[in-house]
Amino acid sequence: KVVGAEDVRAYADANAHIELNDYFKQNLLNFTKKDWSKFVTPRNEALIDERGFDLLTRMLTVDHTQRITAREAIAHDYFAEVRTD
């Protein structure tokens, strides 16, 4: 519901071996991608910035060929302040 259905549809359309099940078609295809800023609250605002939004977006990319790998995620700039390497 957060990442929306557009990318899921595009991924399924691009991959003929993928067929969306009836539950998904009936319940989830109408969701639009949410802007990450809608999830920022006074409680978490100090933990997130554009780098964090970028990392989340890359980690939740539907197409596995475009999704960030674990190694790339660890090296992401979001973690620069705590990186010890």
C-alpha atoms as a PDB file:
ATOM      1  CA  LYS A   1       0.000   0.000   0.000  1.00  0.00           C
ATOM      2  CA  VAL A   2       2.936   2.334   0.602  1.00  0.00           C
ATOM      3  CA  VAL A   3       4.856   1.781  -2.630  1.00  0.00           C
ATOM      4  CA  GLY A   4       1.697   1.740  -4.711  1.00  0.00           C
ATOM      5  CA  ALA A   5       0.561  -0.629  -7.415  1.00  0.00           C
ATOM      6  CA  GLU A   6       1.901   1.066 -10.542  1.00  0.00           C
ATOM      7  CA  ASP A   7       5.376  -0.451 -10.274  1.00  0.00           C
ATOM      8  CA  VAL A   8       3.933  -3.877  -9.464  1.00  0.00           C
ATOM      9  CA  ARG A   9       1.727  -3.716 -12.551  1.00  0.00           C
ATOM     10  CA  ALA A  10       4.645  -2.622 -14.726  1.00  0.00           C
ATOM     11  CA  TYR A  11       6.854  -5.414 -13.354  1.00  0.00           C
ATOM     12  CA  ALA A  12       4.174  -8.049 -13.954  1.00  0.00           C
ATOM     13  CA  ASP A  13       3.499  -6.705 -17.457  1.00  0.00           C
ATOM     14  CA  ALA A  14       7.215  -6.826 -18.306  1.00  0.00           C
ATOM     15  CA  ASN A  15       7.553 -10.411 -17.082  1.00  0.00           C
ATOM     16  CA  ALA A  16       5.133 -12.748 -18.829  1.00  0.00           C
ATOM     17  CA  HIS A  17       5.713 -15.539 -16.285  1.00  0.00           C
ATOM     18  CA  ILE A  18       4.265 -13.374 -13.491  1.00  0.00           C
ATOM     19  CA  GLU A  19       0.522 -13.367 -13.013  1.00  0.00           C
ATOM     20  CA  LEU A  20      -1.026 -11.266 -10.289  1.00  0.00           C
ATOM     21  CA  ASN A  21      -3.384 -13.260  -8.108  1.00  0.00           C
ATOM     22  CA  ASP A  22      -7.033 -12.355  -7.702  1.00  0.00           C
ATOM     23  CA  TYR A  23      -6.573 -10.974  -4.174  1.00  0.00           C
ATOM     24  CA  PHE A  24      -3.989  -8.490  -5.424  1.00  0.00           C
ATOM     25  CA  LYS A  25      -6.112  -7.521  -8.411  1.00  0.00           C
ATOM     26  CA  GLN A  26      -9.199  -6.969  -6.271  1.00  0.00           C
ATOM     27  CA  ASN A  27      -7.648  -5.291  -3.238  1.00  0.00           C
ATOM     28  CA  LEU A  28      -4.348  -3.655  -4.037  1.00  0.00           C
ATOM     29  CA  LEU A  29      -4.303  -2.369  -7.609  1.00  0.00           C
ATOM     30  CA  ASN A  30      -5.935   0.931  -6.689  1.00  0.00           C
ATOM     31  CA  PHE A  31      -3.234   2.120  -4.291  1.00  0.00           C
ATOM     32  CA  THR A  32      -1.004   4.992  -5.345  1.00  0.00           C
ATOM     33  CA  LYS A  33       2.563   5.504  -4.205  1.00  0.00           C
ATOM     34  CA  LYS A  34       2.764   7.452  -0.944  1.00  0.00           C
ATOM     35  CA  ASP A  35       5.191  10.304  -0.451  1.00  0.00           C
ATOM     36  CA  TRP A  36       7.685   9.360   2.261  1.00  0.00           C
ATOM     37  CA  SER A  37       7.262  12.743   3.950  1.00  0.00           C
ATOM     38  CA  LYS A  38       3.754  11.657   5.022  1.00  0.00           C
ATOM     39  CA  PHE A  39       5.378   9.232   7.448  1.00  0.00           C
ATOM     40  CA  VAL A  40       7.548  11.815   9.202  1.00  0.00           C
ATOM     41  CA  THR A  41       6.435  12.598  12.740  1.00  0.00           C
ATOM     42  CA  PRO A  42       7.986  14.623  15.544  1.00  0.00           C
ATOM     43  CA  ARG A  43       9.079  11.298  17.045  1.00  0.00           C
ATOM     44  CA  ASN A  44      11.098  10.156  14.001  1.00  0.00           C
ATOM     45  CA  GLU A  45      12.010  13.368  12.179  1.00  0.00           C
ATOM     46  CA  ALA A  46      15.555  13.416  13.575  1.00  0.00           C
ATOM     47  CA  LEU A  47      16.219   9.972  12.098  1.00  0.00           C
ATOM     48  CA  ILE A  48      15.188  10.650   8.508  1.00  0.00           C
ATOM     49  CA  ASP A  49      16.222  12.941   5.690  1.00  0.00           C
ATOM     50  CA  GLU A  50      16.375  12.785   1.890  1.00  0.00           C
ATOM     51  CA  ARG A  51      19.153  10.187   2.104  1.00  0.00           C
ATOM     52  CA  GLY A  52      16.890   7.992   4.216  1.00  0.00           C
ATOM     53  CA  PHE A  53      14.031   8.427   1.780  1.00  0.00           C
ATOM     54  CA  ASP A  54      16.352   7.509  -1.081  1.00  0.00           C
ATOM     55  CA  LEU A  55      17.515   4.368   0.724  1.00  0.00           C
ATOM     56  CA  LEU A  56      13.934   3.304   1.489  1.00  0.00           C
ATOM     57  CA  THR A  57      12.904   3.860  -2.101  1.00  0.00           C
ATOM     58  CA  ARG A  58      15.817   1.828  -3.411  1.00  0.00           C
ATOM     59  CA  MET A  59      15.241  -1.001  -0.923  1.00  0.00           C
ATOM     60  CA  LEU A  60      11.530  -1.228  -1.742  1.00  0.00           C
ATOM     61  CA  THR A  61      11.900  -1.166  -5.521  1.00  0.00           C
ATOM     62  CA  VAL A  62       9.640  -3.865  -6.945  1.00  0.00           C
ATOM     63  CA  ASP A  63      11.872  -4.857  -9.861  1.00  0.00           C
ATOM     64  CA  HIS A  64      14.628  -6.987  -8.348  1.00  0.00           C
ATOM     65  CA  THR A  65      17.010  -6.049 -11.165  1.00  0.00           C
ATOM     66  CA  GLN A  66      16.717  -2.390 -10.158  1.00  0.00           C
ATOM     67  CA  ARG A  67      16.573  -2.877  -6.360  1.00  0.00           C
ATOM     68  CA  ILE A  68      19.595  -1.969  -4.253  1.00  0.00           C
ATOM     69  CA  THR A  69      21.592  -4.941  -2.968  1.00  0.00           C
ATOM     70  CA  ALA A  70      22.394  -5.452   0.708  1.00  0.00           C
ATOM     71  CA  ARG A  71      26.027  -4.507   0.054  1.00  0.00           C
ATOM     72  CA  GLU A  72      24.953  -1.324  -1.738  1.00  0.00           C
ATOM     73  CA  ALA A  73      22.482  -0.515   1.044  1.00  0.00           C
ATOM     74  CA  ILE A  74      25.176  -0.790   3.703  1.00  0.00           C
ATOM     75  CA  ALA A  75      27.405   1.502   1.646  1.00  0.00           C
ATOM     76  CA  HIS A  76      24.594   4.034   1.101  1.00  0.00           C
ATOM     77  CA  ASP A  77      25.292   7.596   2.171  1.00  0.00           C
ATOM     78  CA  TYR A  78      22.522   7.398   4.781  1.00  0.00           C
ATOM     79  CA  PHE A  79      24.914   5.396   6.962  1.00  0.00           C
ATOM     80  CA  ALA A  80      27.927   7.689   6.415  1.00  0.00           C
ATOM     81  CA  GLU A  81      27.775   9.128   9.945  1.00  0.00           C
ATOM     82  CA  VAL A  82      27.996   5.714  11.626  1.00  0.00           C
ATOM     83  CA  ARG A  83      30.291   3.963   9.181  1.00  0.00           C
ATOM     84  CA  THR A  84      33.642   2.938  10.661  1.00  0.00           C
ATOM     85  CA  ASP A  85      35.488   1.931   7.489  1.00  0.00           C
END
